[in-house]
Amino acid sequence: MKSIKKRMKNMSIIKKKIKHNNLLPWFTQDHGTLPASYLASCEEFFKWLEDSKRTGFKAPSSKLQAPSFKLDSD
C-alpha cells in the first residue's frame, strides 16, 4: 500500500509531454505542473483569439492568399 502512494506522488511530479494544439490540459490541470513552453503557447493562442474577436478572424500568417473567386477574362 505504501509503494502505491509513493508511486502516485512521483507520477504527479513528472511532467508529461503534451501534444501540439491540445488545450485540454490548460483547462484540466494545475498550471504549476504544465511546461512553461506550453503555457506560453496557450497564452499566445488566447491573445490571438481575443484580438480576432475585435479585428475579425484572419490567418495568422502574413502570406497573401489566393482569391476564392474567378476573374472574368472579358
N, C-alpha and C. Protein backbone atom coordinates (compact mmCIF):
# COMPACT_ATOMS: atom_id res chain seq x y z
N MET A 1 0.82 -1.19 0.00
CA MET A 1 0.00 0.00 0.00
C MET A 1 0.87 1.26 0.00
N LYS A 2 1.96 1.21 0.75
CA LYS A 2 2.85 2.36 0.82
C LYS A 2 3.49 2.66 -0.54
N SER A 3 3.86 1.62 -1.26
CA SER A 3 4.52 1.81 -2.55
C SER A 3 3.58 2.44 -3.58
N ILE A 4 2.29 2.16 -3.49
CA ILE A 4 1.33 2.76 -4.41
C ILE A 4 1.25 4.27 -4.18
N LYS A 5 1.18 4.68 -2.93
CA LYS A 5 1.13 6.11 -2.60
C LYS A 5 2.40 6.81 -3.07
N LYS A 6 3.54 6.13 -2.88
CA LYS A 6 4.82 6.71 -3.28
C LYS A 6 4.88 6.88 -4.80
N ARG A 7 4.40 5.87 -5.54
CA ARG A 7 4.38 5.96 -7.00
C ARG A 7 3.46 7.08 -7.47
N MET A 8 2.31 7.22 -6.84
CA MET A 8 1.37 8.27 -7.22
C MET A 8 1.99 9.64 -6.98
N LYS A 9 2.72 9.80 -5.89
CA LYS A 9 3.37 11.07 -5.60
C LYS A 9 4.43 11.37 -6.66
N ASN A 10 5.22 10.37 -7.02
CA ASN A 10 6.25 10.54 -8.04
C ASN A 10 5.64 10.84 -9.40
N MET A 11 4.49 10.26 -9.72
CA MET A 11 3.84 10.49 -11.00
C MET A 11 3.36 11.93 -11.11
N SER A 12 2.94 12.52 -9.99
CA SER A 12 2.45 13.89 -10.05
C SER A 12 3.58 14.89 -10.29
N ILE A 13 4.80 14.51 -9.95
CA ILE A 13 5.95 15.38 -10.15
C ILE A 13 6.42 15.34 -11.60
N ILE A 14 6.30 14.19 -12.24
CA ILE A 14 6.76 14.02 -13.62
C ILE A 14 5.86 14.82 -14.57
N LYS A 15 6.49 15.64 -15.40
CA LYS A 15 5.73 16.41 -16.37
C LYS A 15 5.65 15.62 -17.67
N LYS A 16 4.45 15.45 -18.17
CA LYS A 16 4.26 14.69 -19.40
C LYS A 16 4.31 15.62 -20.59
N LYS A 17 4.69 15.05 -21.74
CA LYS A 17 4.64 15.81 -22.98
C LYS A 17 3.19 16.01 -23.38
N ILE A 18 2.91 17.18 -23.93
CA ILE A 18 1.55 17.49 -24.36
C ILE A 18 1.57 17.62 -25.88
N LYS A 19 0.61 16.99 -26.52
CA LYS A 19 0.54 17.05 -27.98
C LYS A 19 0.27 18.47 -28.44
N HIS A 20 0.81 18.82 -29.59
CA HIS A 20 0.65 20.15 -30.18
C HIS A 20 -0.84 20.45 -30.38
N ASN A 21 -1.25 21.65 -30.07
CA ASN A 21 -2.63 22.14 -30.22
C ASN A 21 -3.63 21.45 -29.29
N ASN A 22 -3.19 20.86 -28.22
CA ASN A 22 -4.10 20.22 -27.27
C ASN A 22 -4.35 21.19 -26.12
N LEU A 23 -5.57 21.71 -26.02
CA LEU A 23 -5.90 22.67 -24.98
C LEU A 23 -6.48 22.03 -23.72
N LEU A 24 -6.76 20.75 -23.75
CA LEU A 24 -7.37 20.09 -22.60
C LEU A 24 -6.57 20.27 -21.30
N PRO A 25 -5.25 20.08 -21.31
CA PRO A 25 -4.50 20.25 -20.06
C PRO A 25 -4.62 21.67 -19.49
N TRP A 26 -4.77 22.68 -20.35
CA TRP A 26 -4.91 24.07 -19.89
C TRP A 26 -6.12 24.20 -18.95
N PHE A 27 -7.19 23.48 -19.29
CA PHE A 27 -8.42 23.59 -18.52
C PHE A 27 -8.53 22.56 -17.39
N THR A 28 -7.79 21.46 -17.48
CA THR A 28 -8.00 20.37 -16.52
C THR A 28 -6.85 20.18 -15.53
N GLN A 29 -5.69 20.76 -15.78
CA GLN A 29 -4.55 20.52 -14.90
C GLN A 29 -4.10 21.81 -14.23
N ASP A 30 -3.43 21.65 -13.11
CA ASP A 30 -2.85 22.78 -12.41
C ASP A 30 -1.75 23.38 -13.28
N HIS A 31 -1.77 24.69 -13.48
CA HIS A 31 -0.79 25.33 -14.37
C HIS A 31 0.64 25.20 -13.84
N GLY A 32 0.79 24.99 -12.55
CA GLY A 32 2.12 24.79 -11.98
C GLY A 32 2.77 23.50 -12.42
N THR A 33 1.97 22.56 -12.90
CA THR A 33 2.51 21.27 -13.33
C THR A 33 2.75 21.22 -14.84
N LEU A 34 2.34 22.26 -15.56
CA LEU A 34 2.47 22.27 -17.02
C LEU A 34 3.79 22.92 -17.43
N PRO A 35 4.38 22.49 -18.55
CA PRO A 35 5.63 23.08 -19.03
C PRO A 35 5.45 24.55 -19.40
N ALA A 36 6.47 25.35 -19.15
CA ALA A 36 6.42 26.79 -19.42
C ALA A 36 6.19 27.07 -20.91
N SER A 37 6.77 26.26 -21.78
CA SER A 37 6.59 26.48 -23.22
C SER A 37 5.14 26.25 -23.62
N TYR A 38 4.49 25.28 -23.00
CA TYR A 38 3.08 25.01 -23.27
C TYR A 38 2.22 26.19 -22.81
N LEU A 39 2.49 26.69 -21.61
CA LEU A 39 1.72 27.82 -21.09
C LEU A 39 1.88 29.05 -21.98
N ALA A 40 3.11 29.31 -22.44
CA ALA A 40 3.36 30.46 -23.31
C ALA A 40 2.62 30.29 -24.64
N SER A 41 2.63 29.09 -25.18
CA SER A 41 1.94 28.83 -26.45
C SER A 41 0.43 29.04 -26.30
N CYS A 42 -0.14 28.56 -25.20
CA CYS A 42 -1.58 28.73 -24.98
C CYS A 42 -1.93 30.21 -24.80
N GLU A 43 -1.11 30.93 -24.03
CA GLU A 43 -1.38 32.35 -23.82
C GLU A 43 -1.32 33.12 -25.14
N GLU A 44 -0.37 32.76 -25.99
CA GLU A 44 -0.27 33.39 -27.32
C GLU A 44 -1.53 33.09 -28.14
N PHE A 45 -2.01 31.86 -28.08
CA PHE A 45 -3.22 31.49 -28.81
C PHE A 45 -4.43 32.27 -28.29
N PHE A 46 -4.59 32.34 -26.97
CA PHE A 46 -5.74 33.05 -26.41
C PHE A 46 -5.67 34.55 -26.71
N LYS A 47 -4.45 35.11 -26.75
CA LYS A 47 -4.30 36.52 -27.13
C LYS A 47 -4.73 36.71 -28.58
N TRP A 48 -4.31 35.81 -29.46
CA TRP A 48 -4.70 35.89 -30.87
C TRP A 48 -6.21 35.77 -30.99
N LEU A 49 -6.81 34.87 -30.23
CA LEU A 49 -8.25 34.67 -30.26
C LEU A 49 -8.99 35.94 -29.82
N GLU A 50 -8.51 36.56 -28.76
CA GLU A 50 -9.12 37.80 -28.27
C GLU A 50 -8.98 38.92 -29.30
N ASP A 51 -7.80 39.05 -29.90
CA ASP A 51 -7.58 40.06 -30.94
C ASP A 51 -8.48 39.80 -32.14
N SER A 52 -8.69 38.55 -32.47
CA SER A 52 -9.52 38.18 -33.62
C SER A 52 -10.97 38.55 -33.42
N LYS A 53 -11.43 38.56 -32.17
CA LYS A 53 -12.80 38.98 -31.89
C LYS A 53 -13.00 40.43 -32.32
N ARG A 54 -11.99 41.27 -32.07
CA ARG A 54 -12.09 42.69 -32.38
C ARG A 54 -11.85 42.98 -33.86
N THR A 55 -10.92 42.30 -34.47
CA THR A 55 -10.50 42.65 -35.82
C THR A 55 -11.04 41.71 -36.89
N GLY A 56 -11.72 40.67 -36.50
CA GLY A 56 -12.18 39.66 -37.47
C GLY A 56 -11.12 38.60 -37.60
N PHE A 57 -11.54 37.41 -37.88
CA PHE A 57 -10.59 36.30 -37.96
C PHE A 57 -9.78 36.39 -39.25
N LYS A 58 -8.48 36.35 -39.07
CA LYS A 58 -7.54 36.38 -40.20
C LYS A 58 -6.54 35.25 -40.00
N ALA A 59 -5.97 34.83 -41.09
CA ALA A 59 -4.93 33.80 -41.00
C ALA A 59 -3.76 34.37 -40.21
N PRO A 60 -3.16 33.59 -39.32
CA PRO A 60 -2.04 34.09 -38.52
C PRO A 60 -0.80 34.38 -39.36
N SER A 61 -0.77 33.93 -40.59
CA SER A 61 0.37 34.17 -41.47
C SER A 61 0.21 35.49 -42.20
N SER A 62 1.32 36.13 -42.51
CA SER A 62 1.27 37.38 -43.27
C SER A 62 1.31 37.12 -44.78
N LYS A 63 1.32 35.83 -45.15
CA LYS A 63 1.33 35.44 -46.55
C LYS A 63 0.01 35.80 -47.22
N LEU A 64 0.07 36.29 -48.44
CA LEU A 64 -1.15 36.57 -49.19
C LEU A 64 -1.79 35.26 -49.63
N GLN A 65 -3.10 35.24 -49.62
CA GLN A 65 -3.81 34.04 -50.04
C GLN A 65 -4.49 34.29 -51.37
N ALA A 66 -4.63 33.25 -52.16
CA ALA A 66 -5.28 33.35 -53.46
C ALA A 66 -6.76 33.68 -53.26
N PRO A 67 -7.33 34.49 -54.15
CA PRO A 67 -8.76 34.79 -54.03
C PRO A 67 -9.60 33.54 -54.29
N SER A 68 -10.79 33.52 -53.70
CA SER A 68 -11.63 32.33 -53.84
C SER A 68 -12.61 32.47 -55.01
N PHE A 69 -12.51 33.55 -55.79
CA PHE A 69 -13.39 33.75 -56.93
C PHE A 69 -12.56 33.82 -58.20
N LYS A 70 -13.22 33.57 -59.33
CA LYS A 70 -12.52 33.62 -60.62
C LYS A 70 -12.76 34.97 -61.26
N LEU A 71 -11.71 35.49 -61.88
CA LEU A 71 -11.84 36.77 -62.59
C LEU A 71 -12.34 36.51 -64.00
N ASP A 72 -13.21 37.40 -64.50
CA ASP A 72 -13.67 37.30 -65.89
C ASP A 72 -12.57 37.76 -66.80
N SER A 73 -12.37 37.08 -67.91
CA SER A 73 -11.31 37.45 -68.84
C SER A 73 -11.85 38.32 -69.97
N ASP A 74 -13.09 38.78 -69.89
CA ASP A 74 -13.68 39.62 -70.95
C ASP A 74 -13.12 41.00 -70.95
